[in-house]
Amino acid sequence: MPVQSIARERRIGLAIIAVLVTAVLIGVFGLGPGPLRRDGPLDGGALGGLAGRVQPTDQGVLWGAVELHNGTDHTVVVDEVTLTGVHGLTTTAGPFVWDGTRYPVLGAGSVAIHGLPLPGAWDALERHSPRGYRIRPRTDDTIEILYEFAVPARDATLDGLTVSYHIGPFAYRRYFPASLKLCPSAATVCTAG
């Protein structure tokens, strides 16, 4: 067999191995634009099982029951936030992010449920887009993911939300079970299911 043929077969073999190794890395580590398979290291707390009665004077509802924290040594970049299991809710604003400046204004880290319009002091809180939002590494700060909903005509629910994010070239997706039930004021009982 000529030397050129052996060299050619060796190059083809190495190319096949490189393709296989790349495919394994993408599948195992969630690299690249393919399916996101792992929760990853993003920390977060979710207030689940929230239920609230919407008052006749409410112009809508603010919901913010998920706080995110980056305990890693690397910057987390949020790619997308999506609601899951939504039934009967109409989003009027959001998702948006409130950063650590919310603590002195709210007196707490999380809004949970609040009728609209919001208190005037809350106007000072900047609404950041979650897409591209950078969560600094190793800080005590958290961010809160928020949505505004229209007043529902009947009982309305959601199951939680999913945050897609990346750290360097590694892509992740994490689900936060933060169930919510909103009831119109005429409802006799409003409890989380």
N, C-alpha and C. Protein backbone atom coordinates (compact mmCIF):
# COMPACT_ATOMS: atom_id res chain seq x y z
N MET A 1 0.85 -1.19 0.00
CA MET A 1 0.00 0.00 0.00
C MET A 1 0.89 1.24 0.00
N PRO A 2 0.64 2.21 -0.88
CA PRO A 2 1.48 3.39 -0.96
C PRO A 2 1.36 4.24 0.32
N VAL A 3 2.40 4.99 0.63
CA VAL A 3 2.46 5.85 1.81
C VAL A 3 1.34 6.90 1.77
N GLN A 4 1.01 7.43 0.60
CA GLN A 4 -0.05 8.44 0.48
C GLN A 4 -1.40 7.87 0.89
N SER A 5 -1.67 6.61 0.57
CA SER A 5 -2.93 5.97 0.94
C SER A 5 -3.03 5.80 2.45
N ILE A 6 -1.94 5.42 3.07
CA ILE A 6 -1.93 5.23 4.53
C ILE A 6 -2.15 6.57 5.23
N ALA A 7 -1.48 7.60 4.75
CA ALA A 7 -1.64 8.93 5.34
C ALA A 7 -3.07 9.43 5.17
N ARG A 8 -3.65 9.19 4.02
CA ARG A 8 -5.04 9.60 3.77
C ARG A 8 -6.00 8.88 4.70
N GLU A 9 -5.85 7.57 4.86
CA GLU A 9 -6.71 6.80 5.76
C GLU A 9 -6.55 7.27 7.20
N ARG A 10 -5.34 7.61 7.60
CA ARG A 10 -5.08 8.09 8.96
C ARG A 10 -5.81 9.43 9.18
N ARG A 11 -5.76 10.34 8.20
CA ARG A 11 -6.45 11.64 8.31
C ARG A 11 -7.96 11.43 8.42
N ILE A 12 -8.50 10.53 7.62
CA ILE A 12 -9.94 10.25 7.67
C ILE A 12 -10.31 9.67 9.03
N GLY A 13 -9.51 8.75 9.52
CA GLY A 13 -9.76 8.16 10.84
C GLY A 13 -9.73 9.20 11.95
N LEU A 14 -8.75 10.11 11.92
CA LEU A 14 -8.66 11.16 12.93
C LEU A 14 -9.85 12.12 12.83
N ALA A 15 -10.29 12.42 11.62
CA ALA A 15 -11.45 13.29 11.44
C ALA A 15 -12.71 12.65 12.03
N ILE A 16 -12.88 11.35 11.82
CA ILE A 16 -14.04 10.64 12.38
C ILE A 16 -13.98 10.66 13.90
N ILE A 17 -12.82 10.43 14.47
CA ILE A 17 -12.66 10.46 15.94
C ILE A 17 -12.98 11.86 16.47
N ALA A 18 -12.50 12.91 15.79
CA ALA A 18 -12.78 14.28 16.23
C ALA A 18 -14.27 14.57 16.22
N VAL A 19 -14.98 14.12 15.19
CA VAL A 19 -16.42 14.33 15.10
C VAL A 19 -17.13 13.60 16.24
N LEU A 20 -16.73 12.38 16.52
CA LEU A 20 -17.36 11.60 17.60
C LEU A 20 -17.10 12.23 18.96
N VAL A 21 -15.87 12.67 19.22
CA VAL A 21 -15.54 13.32 20.50
C VAL A 21 -16.36 14.60 20.66
N THR A 22 -16.47 15.39 19.61
CA THR A 22 -17.28 16.62 19.66
C THR A 22 -18.74 16.29 19.96
N ALA A 23 -19.29 15.28 19.33
CA ALA A 23 -20.68 14.89 19.56
C ALA A 23 -20.89 14.47 21.01
N VAL A 24 -19.94 13.73 21.55
CA VAL A 24 -20.05 13.30 22.96
C VAL A 24 -19.99 14.50 23.89
N LEU A 25 -19.08 15.44 23.64
CA LEU A 25 -18.97 16.63 24.49
C LEU A 25 -20.25 17.47 24.43
N ILE A 26 -20.82 17.61 23.26
CA ILE A 26 -22.06 18.38 23.14
C ILE A 26 -23.18 17.69 23.91
N GLY A 27 -23.29 16.40 23.80
CA GLY A 27 -24.35 15.66 24.50
C GLY A 27 -24.16 15.62 25.99
N VAL A 28 -22.93 15.45 26.45
CA VAL A 28 -22.67 15.30 27.89
C VAL A 28 -22.66 16.63 28.60
N PHE A 29 -22.03 17.64 28.02
CA PHE A 29 -21.83 18.91 28.71
C PHE A 29 -22.79 20.01 28.29
N GLY A 30 -23.64 19.75 27.32
CA GLY A 30 -24.58 20.77 26.89
C GLY A 30 -23.91 21.88 26.11
N LEU A 31 -22.78 21.61 25.48
CA LEU A 31 -22.11 22.63 24.69
C LEU A 31 -22.87 22.89 23.41
N GLY A 32 -22.74 24.10 22.92
CA GLY A 32 -23.30 24.39 21.61
C GLY A 32 -24.79 24.64 21.65
N PRO A 33 -25.38 24.81 20.49
CA PRO A 33 -26.78 25.20 20.41
C PRO A 33 -27.77 24.04 20.51
N GLY A 34 -27.29 22.84 20.73
CA GLY A 34 -28.17 21.67 20.78
C GLY A 34 -29.05 21.68 22.01
N PRO A 35 -29.72 20.57 22.26
CA PRO A 35 -30.62 20.50 23.41
C PRO A 35 -29.87 20.71 24.72
N LEU A 36 -30.49 21.46 25.61
CA LEU A 36 -29.90 21.72 26.92
C LEU A 36 -30.34 20.61 27.86
N ARG A 37 -29.39 19.96 28.47
CA ARG A 37 -29.73 18.74 29.20
C ARG A 37 -29.56 18.84 30.71
N ARG A 38 -28.87 19.81 31.21
CA ARG A 38 -28.54 19.83 32.62
C ARG A 38 -29.07 21.08 33.32
N ASP A 39 -29.37 20.92 34.61
CA ASP A 39 -29.77 22.08 35.41
C ASP A 39 -28.63 23.07 35.54
N GLY A 40 -27.43 22.55 35.72
CA GLY A 40 -26.27 23.42 35.90
C GLY A 40 -26.18 23.97 37.31
N PRO A 41 -25.23 24.87 37.53
CA PRO A 41 -24.94 25.33 38.88
C PRO A 41 -25.73 26.54 39.36
N LEU A 42 -26.67 27.07 38.58
CA LEU A 42 -27.42 28.25 39.00
C LEU A 42 -28.27 27.92 40.22
N ASP A 43 -28.09 28.71 41.28
CA ASP A 43 -28.88 28.52 42.50
C ASP A 43 -30.12 29.39 42.41
N GLY A 44 -31.15 28.97 43.10
CA GLY A 44 -32.35 29.79 43.12
C GLY A 44 -33.37 29.27 44.10
N GLY A 45 -34.18 30.18 44.55
CA GLY A 45 -35.27 29.83 45.43
C GLY A 45 -36.58 30.21 44.77
N ALA A 46 -37.57 29.37 44.94
CA ALA A 46 -38.88 29.64 44.35
C ALA A 46 -39.95 29.49 45.41
N LEU A 47 -40.81 30.47 45.50
CA LEU A 47 -41.96 30.38 46.39
C LEU A 47 -43.06 29.65 45.63
N GLY A 48 -43.29 28.41 45.98
CA GLY A 48 -44.32 27.62 45.32
C GLY A 48 -45.59 27.61 46.13
N GLY A 49 -46.66 27.25 45.49
CA GLY A 49 -47.93 27.14 46.20
C GLY A 49 -48.54 28.47 46.58
N LEU A 50 -48.27 29.52 45.81
CA LEU A 50 -48.87 30.82 46.10
C LEU A 50 -50.27 30.91 45.52
N ALA A 51 -51.16 31.51 46.27
CA ALA A 51 -52.52 31.75 45.79
C ALA A 51 -52.92 33.15 46.21
N GLY A 52 -53.58 33.86 45.32
CA GLY A 52 -53.99 35.22 45.64
C GLY A 52 -55.30 35.58 45.00
N ARG A 53 -56.11 36.31 45.74
CA ARG A 53 -57.40 36.78 45.24
C ARG A 53 -57.17 38.15 44.61
N VAL A 54 -57.63 38.32 43.38
CA VAL A 54 -57.50 39.59 42.68
C VAL A 54 -58.66 40.48 43.11
N GLN A 55 -58.33 41.70 43.50
CA GLN A 55 -59.34 42.64 43.98
C GLN A 55 -59.98 43.39 42.81
N PRO A 56 -61.22 43.84 42.96
CA PRO A 56 -61.90 44.56 41.87
C PRO A 56 -61.15 45.83 41.45
N THR A 57 -60.42 46.43 42.36
CA THR A 57 -59.69 47.67 42.04
C THR A 57 -58.33 47.41 41.41
N ASP A 58 -57.87 46.16 41.38
CA ASP A 58 -56.57 45.84 40.79
C ASP A 58 -56.60 46.04 39.28
N GLN A 59 -55.53 46.60 38.75
CA GLN A 59 -55.39 46.76 37.30
C GLN A 59 -54.58 45.62 36.70
N GLY A 60 -54.18 44.72 37.52
CA GLY A 60 -53.37 43.57 37.12
C GLY A 60 -52.64 43.04 38.34
N VAL A 61 -51.72 42.11 38.11
CA VAL A 61 -51.01 41.48 39.22
C VAL A 61 -49.53 41.38 38.87
N LEU A 62 -48.68 41.73 39.83
CA LEU A 62 -47.24 41.53 39.71
C LEU A 62 -46.90 40.24 40.44
N TRP A 63 -46.16 39.37 39.77
CA TRP A 63 -45.75 38.10 40.38
C TRP A 63 -44.24 37.99 40.28
N GLY A 64 -43.60 37.77 41.41
CA GLY A 64 -42.15 37.61 41.44
C GLY A 64 -41.78 36.63 42.52
N ALA A 65 -41.77 35.36 42.21
CA ALA A 65 -41.56 34.34 43.22
C ALA A 65 -40.27 33.54 43.01
N VAL A 66 -39.40 33.97 42.09
CA VAL A 66 -38.17 33.22 41.83
C VAL A 66 -36.98 34.16 41.96
N GLU A 67 -36.09 33.84 42.89
CA GLU A 67 -34.85 34.58 43.08
C GLU A 67 -33.69 33.69 42.63
N LEU A 68 -32.74 34.28 41.89
CA LEU A 68 -31.60 33.54 41.38
C LEU A 68 -30.31 34.05 42.00
N HIS A 69 -29.39 33.13 42.25
CA HIS A 69 -28.10 33.45 42.87
C HIS A 69 -27.01 32.68 42.16
N ASN A 70 -25.88 33.32 41.93
CA ASN A 70 -24.74 32.69 41.27
C ASN A 70 -23.66 32.40 42.31
N GLY A 71 -23.55 31.14 42.71
CA GLY A 71 -22.54 30.74 43.68
C GLY A 71 -21.27 30.21 43.03
N THR A 72 -21.15 30.34 41.71
CA THR A 72 -19.98 29.82 41.01
C THR A 72 -18.87 30.87 40.96
N ASP A 73 -17.75 30.48 40.39
CA ASP A 73 -16.63 31.40 40.19
C ASP A 73 -16.69 32.09 38.83
N HIS A 74 -17.77 31.88 38.09
CA HIS A 74 -17.89 32.41 36.73
C HIS A 74 -19.19 33.17 36.56
N THR A 75 -19.21 34.11 35.64
CA THR A 75 -20.42 34.88 35.36
C THR A 75 -21.46 34.00 34.68
N VAL A 76 -22.70 34.08 35.17
CA VAL A 76 -23.84 33.40 34.55
C VAL A 76 -24.52 34.41 33.64
N VAL A 77 -24.79 34.02 32.40
CA VAL A 77 -25.50 34.89 31.45
C VAL A 77 -26.85 34.25 31.15
N VAL A 78 -27.93 34.96 31.46
CA VAL A 78 -29.28 34.46 31.22
C VAL A 78 -29.59 34.60 29.73
N ASP A 79 -30.09 33.52 29.14
CA ASP A 79 -30.46 33.52 27.73
C ASP A 79 -31.96 33.70 27.53
N GLU A 80 -32.76 33.05 28.37
CA GLU A 80 -34.22 33.09 28.19
C GLU A 80 -34.91 32.66 29.48
N VAL A 81 -36.07 33.24 29.72
CA VAL A 81 -36.93 32.85 30.83
C VAL A 81 -38.30 32.57 30.24
N THR A 82 -38.87 31.40 30.55
CA THR A 82 -40.19 31.04 30.04
C THR A 82 -41.06 30.49 31.15
N LEU A 83 -42.33 30.81 31.09
CA LEU A 83 -43.30 30.25 32.03
C LEU A 83 -43.68 28.85 31.59
N THR A 84 -44.06 28.01 32.56
CA THR A 84 -44.49 26.65 32.24
C THR A 84 -45.87 26.39 32.87
N GLY A 85 -46.66 25.58 32.17
CA GLY A 85 -47.96 25.18 32.69
C GLY A 85 -48.92 26.33 32.92
N VAL A 86 -48.98 27.27 31.98
CA VAL A 86 -49.82 28.45 32.13
C VAL A 86 -51.25 28.13 31.67
N HIS A 87 -52.23 28.46 32.52
CA HIS A 87 -53.65 28.24 32.20
C HIS A 87 -54.45 29.46 32.63
N GLY A 88 -54.97 30.20 31.65
CA GLY A 88 -55.86 31.32 31.95
C GLY A 88 -55.18 32.63 32.31
N LEU A 89 -53.85 32.71 32.21
CA LEU A 89 -53.14 33.95 32.51
C LEU A 89 -52.69 34.64 31.23
N THR A 90 -52.83 35.96 31.21
CA THR A 90 -52.34 36.77 30.09
C THR A 90 -51.22 37.65 30.61
N THR A 91 -50.03 37.49 30.04
CA THR A 91 -48.88 38.29 30.44
C THR A 91 -49.01 39.68 29.82
N THR A 92 -48.89 40.72 30.66
CA THR A 92 -48.94 42.10 30.17
C THR A 92 -47.56 42.75 30.19
N ALA A 93 -46.63 42.21 30.99
CA ALA A 93 -45.25 42.69 31.02
C ALA A 93 -44.37 41.57 31.56
N GLY A 94 -43.16 41.53 31.05
CA GLY A 94 -42.22 40.55 31.54
C GLY A 94 -41.95 39.47 30.53
N PRO A 95 -40.96 38.67 30.86
CA PRO A 95 -40.26 38.71 32.13
C PRO A 95 -39.31 39.90 32.20
N PHE A 96 -39.07 40.33 33.44
CA PHE A 96 -38.05 41.33 33.67
C PHE A 96 -37.35 40.99 34.99
N VAL A 97 -36.21 41.64 35.21
CA VAL A 97 -35.36 41.36 36.36
C VAL A 97 -35.27 42.60 37.24
N TRP A 98 -35.39 42.38 38.53
CA TRP A 98 -35.01 43.40 39.52
C TRP A 98 -33.74 42.89 40.17
N ASP A 99 -32.75 43.76 40.29
CA ASP A 99 -31.47 43.36 40.88
C ASP A 99 -31.47 43.62 42.39
N GLY A 100 -30.30 43.63 42.99
CA GLY A 100 -30.17 43.79 44.44
C GLY A 100 -30.63 45.12 44.97
N THR A 101 -30.83 46.12 44.11
CA THR A 101 -31.31 47.42 44.60
C THR A 101 -32.74 47.35 45.10
N ARG A 102 -33.42 46.22 44.91
CA ARG A 102 -34.81 46.09 45.34
C ARG A 102 -34.95 45.97 46.86
N TYR A 103 -33.93 45.47 47.55
CA TYR A 103 -34.03 45.21 48.99
C TYR A 103 -34.47 46.42 49.80
N PRO A 104 -33.78 47.57 49.69
CA PRO A 104 -34.22 48.71 50.52
C PRO A 104 -35.58 49.25 50.12
N VAL A 105 -35.96 49.10 48.86
CA VAL A 105 -37.25 49.61 48.40
C VAL A 105 -38.39 48.70 48.85
N LEU A 106 -38.20 47.39 48.68
CA LEU A 106 -39.25 46.43 49.03
C LEU A 106 -39.25 46.07 50.52
N GLY A 107 -38.07 46.14 51.13
CA GLY A 107 -37.94 45.65 52.50
C GLY A 107 -37.87 44.14 52.55
N ALA A 108 -37.69 43.51 51.40
CA ALA A 108 -37.61 42.05 51.30
C ALA A 108 -36.93 41.70 49.98
N GLY A 109 -36.67 40.41 49.78
CA GLY A 109 -36.02 39.97 48.56
C GLY A 109 -36.97 39.57 47.46
N SER A 110 -38.23 39.29 47.83
CA SER A 110 -39.18 38.79 46.85
C SER A 110 -40.53 39.46 47.00
N VAL A 111 -41.17 39.72 45.88
CA VAL A 111 -42.48 40.37 45.88
C VAL A 111 -43.58 39.36 46.17
N ALA A 112 -43.46 38.15 45.64
CA ALA A 112 -44.52 37.13 45.67
C ALA A 112 -45.66 37.60 44.78
N ILE A 113 -46.77 38.10 45.35
CA ILE A 113 -47.91 38.58 44.57
C ILE A 113 -48.26 39.99 45.04
N HIS A 114 -48.49 40.90 44.11
CA HIS A 114 -48.89 42.26 44.48
C HIS A 114 -49.81 42.81 43.40
N GLY A 115 -50.91 43.42 43.82
CA GLY A 115 -51.84 44.03 42.87
C GLY A 115 -51.24 45.27 42.21
N LEU A 116 -51.69 45.54 40.99
CA LEU A 116 -51.28 46.74 40.27
C LEU A 116 -52.37 47.79 40.41
N PRO A 117 -52.05 49.05 40.46
CA PRO A 117 -50.73 49.63 40.28
C PRO A 117 -49.84 49.41 41.49
N LEU A 118 -48.54 49.49 41.24
CA LEU A 118 -47.55 49.30 42.30
C LEU A 118 -47.41 50.57 43.12
N PRO A 119 -46.91 50.44 44.35
CA PRO A 119 -46.63 51.64 45.15
C PRO A 119 -45.64 52.55 44.41
N GLY A 120 -45.80 53.86 44.54
CA GLY A 120 -44.98 54.83 43.82
C GLY A 120 -43.49 54.65 44.04
N ALA A 121 -43.07 54.26 45.24
CA ALA A 121 -41.64 54.10 45.53
C ALA A 121 -41.01 53.00 44.67
N TRP A 122 -41.83 52.07 44.22
CA TRP A 122 -41.30 50.96 43.42
C TRP A 122 -40.93 51.40 42.00
N ASP A 123 -41.39 52.60 41.59
CA ASP A 123 -41.05 53.11 40.26
C ASP A 123 -39.55 53.30 40.10
N ALA A 124 -38.83 53.45 41.22
CA ALA A 124 -37.38 53.66 41.19
C ALA A 124 -36.63 52.40 40.78
N LEU A 125 -37.29 51.24 40.86
CA LEU A 125 -36.62 49.98 40.52
C LEU A 125 -36.54 49.81 39.01
N GLU A 126 -35.33 49.64 38.52
CA GLU A 126 -35.12 49.48 37.08
C GLU A 126 -35.50 48.07 36.65
N ARG A 127 -36.23 47.98 35.55
CA ARG A 127 -36.62 46.69 34.97
C ARG A 127 -35.59 46.31 33.91
N HIS A 128 -34.83 45.27 34.20
CA HIS A 128 -33.81 44.80 33.27
C HIS A 128 -34.38 43.64 32.45
N SER A 129 -33.98 43.56 31.20
CA SER A 129 -34.33 42.41 30.38
C SER A 129 -33.53 41.21 30.86
N PRO A 130 -34.16 40.03 30.98
CA PRO A 130 -33.38 38.86 31.39
C PRO A 130 -32.42 38.40 30.30
N ARG A 131 -32.77 38.60 29.03
CA ARG A 131 -31.91 38.13 27.93
C ARG A 131 -30.58 38.88 27.97
N GLY A 132 -29.51 38.14 28.20
CA GLY A 132 -28.19 38.73 28.27
C GLY A 132 -27.82 39.26 29.64
N TYR A 133 -28.73 39.16 30.62
CA TYR A 133 -28.43 39.67 31.96
C TYR A 133 -27.30 38.84 32.57
N ARG A 134 -26.32 39.51 33.14
CA ARG A 134 -25.14 38.86 33.69
C ARG A 134 -25.24 38.84 35.21
N ILE A 135 -25.21 37.64 35.78
CA ILE A 135 -25.24 37.48 37.23
C ILE A 135 -23.80 37.28 37.67
N ARG A 136 -23.31 38.22 38.46
CA ARG A 136 -21.91 38.19 38.90
C ARG A 136 -21.61 36.96 39.76
N PRO A 137 -20.38 36.48 39.69
CA PRO A 137 -20.01 35.31 40.49
C PRO A 137 -19.78 35.65 41.96
N ARG A 138 -20.06 34.67 42.80
CA ARG A 138 -19.73 34.72 44.22
C ARG A 138 -20.13 36.01 44.93
N THR A 139 -21.38 36.40 44.77
CA THR A 139 -21.88 37.56 45.50
C THR A 139 -23.08 37.12 46.33
N ASP A 140 -23.42 37.94 47.29
CA ASP A 140 -24.61 37.66 48.09
C ASP A 140 -25.87 38.18 47.40
N ASP A 141 -25.68 38.96 46.33
CA ASP A 141 -26.82 39.52 45.61
C ASP A 141 -27.61 38.43 44.91
N THR A 142 -28.90 38.64 44.87
CA THR A 142 -29.77 37.79 44.07
C THR A 142 -30.51 38.70 43.09
N ILE A 143 -31.06 38.09 42.06
CA ILE A 143 -31.96 38.82 41.18
C ILE A 143 -33.32 38.16 41.31
N GLU A 144 -34.36 38.91 40.99
CA GLU A 144 -35.71 38.35 41.02
C GLU A 144 -36.30 38.45 39.61
N ILE A 145 -36.92 37.35 39.18
CA ILE A 145 -37.59 37.30 37.88
C ILE A 145 -39.06 37.65 38.13
N LEU A 146 -39.60 38.61 37.36
CA LEU A 146 -40.97 39.08 37.58
C LEU A 146 -41.77 39.10 36.28
N TYR A 147 -43.09 38.99 36.45
CA TYR A 147 -44.06 39.11 35.37
C TYR A 147 -45.23 39.93 35.87
N GLU A 148 -45.93 40.58 34.94
CA GLU A 148 -47.21 41.20 35.25
C GLU A 148 -48.28 40.48 34.44
N PHE A 149 -49.41 40.24 35.08
CA PHE A 149 -50.53 39.55 34.44
C PHE A 149 -51.78 40.41 34.48
N ALA A 150 -52.62 40.25 33.47
CA ALA A 150 -53.93 40.90 33.47
C ALA A 150 -54.81 40.22 34.53
N VAL A 151 -55.83 40.91 34.98
CA VAL A 151 -56.77 40.32 35.93
C VAL A 151 -57.50 39.19 35.21
N PRO A 152 -57.45 37.98 35.74
CA PRO A 152 -58.11 36.85 35.06
C PRO A 152 -59.62 36.88 35.27
N ALA A 153 -60.34 36.38 34.29
CA ALA A 153 -61.80 36.31 34.38
C ALA A 153 -62.24 35.15 35.27
N ARG A 154 -61.39 34.12 35.36
CA ARG A 154 -61.68 32.95 36.20
C ARG A 154 -60.38 32.48 36.81
N ASP A 155 -60.42 31.48 37.65
CA ASP A 155 -59.20 30.98 38.27
C ASP A 155 -58.13 30.72 37.21
N ALA A 156 -56.91 31.15 37.47
CA ALA A 156 -55.82 31.01 36.52
C ALA A 156 -54.58 30.50 37.26
N THR A 157 -53.76 29.70 36.58
CA THR A 157 -52.63 29.07 37.24
C THR A 157 -51.39 29.04 36.34
N LEU A 158 -50.26 28.82 36.98
CA LEU A 158 -49.03 28.46 36.29
C LEU A 158 -48.25 27.53 37.20
N ASP A 159 -47.37 26.72 36.59
CA ASP A 159 -46.61 25.71 37.36
C ASP A 159 -45.25 26.20 37.81
N GLY A 160 -44.62 27.07 37.04
CA GLY A 160 -43.28 27.54 37.38
C GLY A 160 -42.65 28.23 36.20
N LEU A 161 -41.32 28.32 36.24
CA LEU A 161 -40.63 28.91 35.11
C LEU A 161 -39.31 28.20 34.86
N THR A 162 -38.82 28.34 33.64
CA THR A 162 -37.56 27.72 33.22
C THR A 162 -36.60 28.82 32.81
N VAL A 163 -35.37 28.73 33.30
CA VAL A 163 -34.32 29.69 32.96
C VAL A 163 -33.28 28.96 32.13
N SER A 164 -33.06 29.44 30.91
CA SER A 164 -31.98 28.95 30.06
C SER A 164 -30.83 29.94 30.21
N TYR A 165 -29.61 29.42 30.41
CA TYR A 165 -28.47 30.30 30.66
C TYR A 165 -27.19 29.61 30.22
N HIS A 166 -26.11 30.36 30.23
CA HIS A 166 -24.82 29.76 29.92
C HIS A 166 -23.73 30.36 30.79
N ILE A 167 -22.70 29.56 30.97
CA ILE A 167 -21.47 29.96 31.64
C ILE A 167 -20.36 29.63 30.66
N GLY A 168 -19.76 30.66 30.09
CA GLY A 168 -18.79 30.41 29.03
C GLY A 168 -19.46 29.67 27.90
N PRO A 169 -18.85 28.57 27.42
CA PRO A 169 -19.46 27.82 26.31
C PRO A 169 -20.48 26.78 26.77
N PHE A 170 -20.70 26.65 28.07
CA PHE A 170 -21.59 25.61 28.58
C PHE A 170 -23.00 26.16 28.74
N ALA A 171 -23.97 25.48 28.12
CA ALA A 171 -25.37 25.91 28.14
C ALA A 171 -26.16 25.02 29.09
N TYR A 172 -27.11 25.64 29.83
CA TYR A 172 -27.90 24.92 30.82
C TYR A 172 -29.35 25.38 30.75
N ARG A 173 -30.22 24.59 31.37
CA ARG A 173 -31.63 24.95 31.54
C ARG A 173 -32.05 24.46 32.92
N ARG A 174 -32.70 25.35 33.70
CA ARG A 174 -33.12 24.97 35.04
C ARG A 174 -34.59 25.34 35.23
N TYR A 175 -35.35 24.37 35.73
CA TYR A 175 -36.77 24.57 36.01
C TYR A 175 -36.95 24.92 37.48
N PHE A 176 -37.77 25.92 37.76
CA PHE A 176 -38.09 26.32 39.14
C PHE A 176 -39.58 26.13 39.36
N PRO A 177 -39.96 25.21 40.24
CA PRO A 177 -41.39 24.98 40.52
C PRO A 177 -41.92 26.10 41.42
N ALA A 178 -42.57 27.05 40.82
CA ALA A 178 -43.08 28.21 41.55
C ALA A 178 -44.55 28.38 41.19
N SER A 179 -45.37 27.47 41.66
CA SER A 179 -46.78 27.48 41.24
C SER A 179 -47.52 28.70 41.78
N LEU A 180 -48.46 29.15 40.98
CA LEU A 180 -49.27 30.32 41.30
C LEU A 180 -50.71 30.06 40.90
N LYS A 181 -51.63 30.52 41.74
CA LYS A 181 -53.04 30.48 41.40
C LYS A 181 -53.63 31.86 41.71
N LEU A 182 -54.26 32.47 40.71
CA LEU A 182 -54.94 33.74 40.90
C LEU A 182 -56.43 33.51 40.75
N CYS A 183 -57.20 34.10 41.65
CA CYS A 183 -58.65 33.91 41.65
C CYS A 183 -59.34 35.27 41.54
N PRO A 184 -60.40 35.36 40.71
CA PRO A 184 -61.16 36.62 40.69
C PRO A 184 -61.83 36.83 42.04
N SER A 185 -62.13 38.05 42.35
CA SER A 185 -62.66 38.36 43.68
C SER A 185 -63.97 37.65 43.99
N ALA A 186 -64.71 37.24 42.98
CA ALA A 186 -65.99 36.56 43.21
C ALA A 186 -65.80 35.11 43.67
N ALA A 187 -64.63 34.58 43.51
CA ALA A 187 -64.40 33.20 43.92
C ALA A 187 -64.55 33.08 45.43
N THR A 188 -65.16 32.00 45.87
CA THR A 188 -65.37 31.82 47.30
C THR A 188 -64.14 31.26 48.01
N VAL A 189 -63.39 30.40 47.33
CA VAL A 189 -62.19 29.82 47.93
C VAL A 189 -61.03 29.98 46.95
N CYS A 190 -59.88 30.41 47.45
CA CYS A 190 -58.71 30.56 46.61
C CYS A 190 -57.52 29.94 47.33
N THR A 191 -57.27 28.69 47.03
CA THR A 191 -56.14 28.00 47.64
C THR A 191 -55.27 27.40 46.54
N ALA A 192 -53.98 27.33 46.83
CA ALA A 192 -53.07 26.73 45.86
C ALA A 192 -53.36 25.25 45.76
N GLY A 193 -53.22 24.73 44.53
CA GLY A 193 -53.54 23.33 44.31
C GLY A 193 -52.32 22.55 44.27
